[in-house]
Structures are given as C-alpha cells and as structure tokens.
Amino acid sequence: MRAIAAAVDQSQWPEPDDCGVCIALDVERLEAYDESDWPTVAQCNAEILNHPHLRRRSGA
C-alpha cells in the first residue's frame, strides 16, 4: 500500500477529516477502547502512525 500511496499525487489526497481510512481507523480504535481490546488499539495506533496524513502533518 505504501508504494501505491507514494505513487499517487499527494495533492489529490482528501483532507484527514474526509479520508475514509482515517475515519475507519478512528472508529475501529474507539470500538476497541470500548471493548478493552488493547491489541487492536495498539494495531490501530500503529496504522495511524504509518498513514500518509500523519506523516504529511509531521513533516516526515
């Protein structure tokens, strides 16, 4: 997925609030918190850190 994301013009990415991946990860993480499913919370956090929106905002 990273190779595909890197090949796409970053100016064409939706804003984080409109990004389906960002929204899905947030929803999944909140549901996991509610269920005390800590491995899923950790996985969601890792995926969020690797998502292009966060990397773009952090300047990485």
C-alpha atoms as a PDB file:
ATOM      1  CA  MET A   1       0.000   0.000   0.000  1.00  0.00           C
ATOM      2  CA  ARG A   2       2.858   2.387   0.718  1.00  0.00           C
ATOM      3  CA  ALA A   3       4.166   2.052  -2.814  1.00  0.00           C
ATOM      4  CA  ILE A   4       0.742   2.852  -4.190  1.00  0.00           C
ATOM      5  CA  ALA A   5       0.315   5.837  -1.866  1.00  0.00           C
ATOM      6  CA  ALA A   6       3.748   7.127  -2.806  1.00  0.00           C
ATOM      7  CA  ALA A   7       2.874   6.922  -6.499  1.00  0.00           C
ATOM      8  CA  VAL A   8      -0.290   8.992  -6.075  1.00  0.00           C
ATOM      9  CA  ASP A   9      -0.020  12.767  -6.241  1.00  0.00           C
ATOM     10  CA  GLN A  10      -0.293  13.856  -2.605  1.00  0.00           C
ATOM     11  CA  SER A  11      -2.229  16.982  -3.575  1.00  0.00           C
ATOM     12  CA  GLN A  12      -5.067  14.660  -4.620  1.00  0.00           C
ATOM     13  CA  TRP A  13      -5.419  13.123  -1.149  1.00  0.00           C
ATOM     14  CA  PRO A  14      -8.553  14.038   0.771  1.00  0.00           C
ATOM     15  CA  GLU A  15      -8.210  16.046   3.945  1.00  0.00           C
ATOM     16  CA  PRO A  16      -7.904  13.860   7.068  1.00  0.00           C
ATOM     17  CA  ASP A  17     -11.487  14.641   8.129  1.00  0.00           C
ATOM     18  CA  ASP A  18     -12.748  13.364   4.750  1.00  0.00           C
ATOM     19  CA  CYS A  19     -10.391  10.385   4.414  1.00  0.00           C
ATOM     20  CA  GLY A  20     -12.139   7.037   4.662  1.00  0.00           C
ATOM     21  CA  VAL A  21      -9.011   5.370   6.035  1.00  0.00           C
ATOM     22  CA  CYS A  22      -8.609   7.967   8.803  1.00  0.00           C
ATOM     23  CA  ILE A  23     -12.290   7.681   9.708  1.00  0.00           C
ATOM     24  CA  ALA A  24     -12.277   3.869   9.673  1.00  0.00           C
ATOM     25  CA  LEU A  25      -9.176   3.696  11.857  1.00  0.00           C
ATOM     26  CA  ASP A  26     -10.656   6.159  14.342  1.00  0.00           C
ATOM     27  CA  VAL A  27     -13.923   4.201  14.543  1.00  0.00           C
ATOM     28  CA  GLU A  28     -12.136   0.867  14.920  1.00  0.00           C
ATOM     29  CA  ARG A  29      -9.846   2.280  17.611  1.00  0.00           C
ATOM     30  CA  LEU A  30     -12.763   3.763  19.589  1.00  0.00           C
ATOM     31  CA  GLU A  31     -14.695   0.483  19.417  1.00  0.00           C
ATOM     32  CA  ALA A  32     -11.609  -1.400  20.600  1.00  0.00           C
ATOM     33  CA  TYR A  33     -11.214   1.022  23.526  1.00  0.00           C
ATOM     34  CA  ASP A  34     -14.851   0.439  24.488  1.00  0.00           C
ATOM     35  CA  GLU A  35     -14.257  -3.335  24.453  1.00  0.00           C
ATOM     36  CA  SER A  36     -10.839  -3.069  26.194  1.00  0.00           C
ATOM     37  CA  ASP A  37      -9.311  -4.829  23.175  1.00  0.00           C
ATOM     38  CA  TRP A  38      -5.800  -3.491  23.706  1.00  0.00           C
ATOM     39  CA  PRO A  39      -4.067  -5.446  20.884  1.00  0.00           C
ATOM     40  CA  THR A  40      -6.497  -3.918  18.373  1.00  0.00           C
ATOM     41  CA  VAL A  41      -6.000  -0.462  19.895  1.00  0.00           C
ATOM     42  CA  ALA A  42      -2.228  -0.893  19.519  1.00  0.00           C
ATOM     43  CA  GLN A  43      -2.592  -2.065  15.911  1.00  0.00           C
ATOM     44  CA  CYS A  44      -4.843   0.891  15.039  1.00  0.00           C
ATOM     45  CA  ASN A  45      -2.377   3.289  16.634  1.00  0.00           C
ATOM     46  CA  ALA A  46       0.458   1.782  14.566  1.00  0.00           C
ATOM     47  CA  GLU A  47      -1.583   2.036  11.359  1.00  0.00           C
ATOM     48  CA  ILE A  48      -2.487   5.643  12.141  1.00  0.00           C
ATOM     49  CA  LEU A  49       1.191   6.481  12.663  1.00  0.00           C
ATOM     50  CA  ASN A  50       2.017   4.924   9.275  1.00  0.00           C
ATOM     51  CA  HIS A  51      -0.862   6.593   7.425  1.00  0.00           C
ATOM     52  CA  PRO A  52       0.251   9.311   4.953  1.00  0.00           C
ATOM     53  CA  HIS A  53      -1.875  12.043   6.531  1.00  0.00           C
ATOM     54  CA  LEU A  54       0.001  11.839   9.822  1.00  0.00           C
ATOM     55  CA  ARG A  55       3.379  11.616   8.066  1.00  0.00           C
ATOM     56  CA  ARG A  56       2.475  14.660   5.945  1.00  0.00           C
ATOM     57  CA  ARG A  57       1.434  16.685   9.024  1.00  0.00           C
ATOM     58  CA  SER A  58       4.564  15.697  10.957  1.00  0.00           C
ATOM     59  CA  GLY A  59       6.811  16.592   8.011  1.00  0.00           C
ATOM     60  CA  ALA A  60       8.234  13.061   7.795  1.00  0.00           C
END
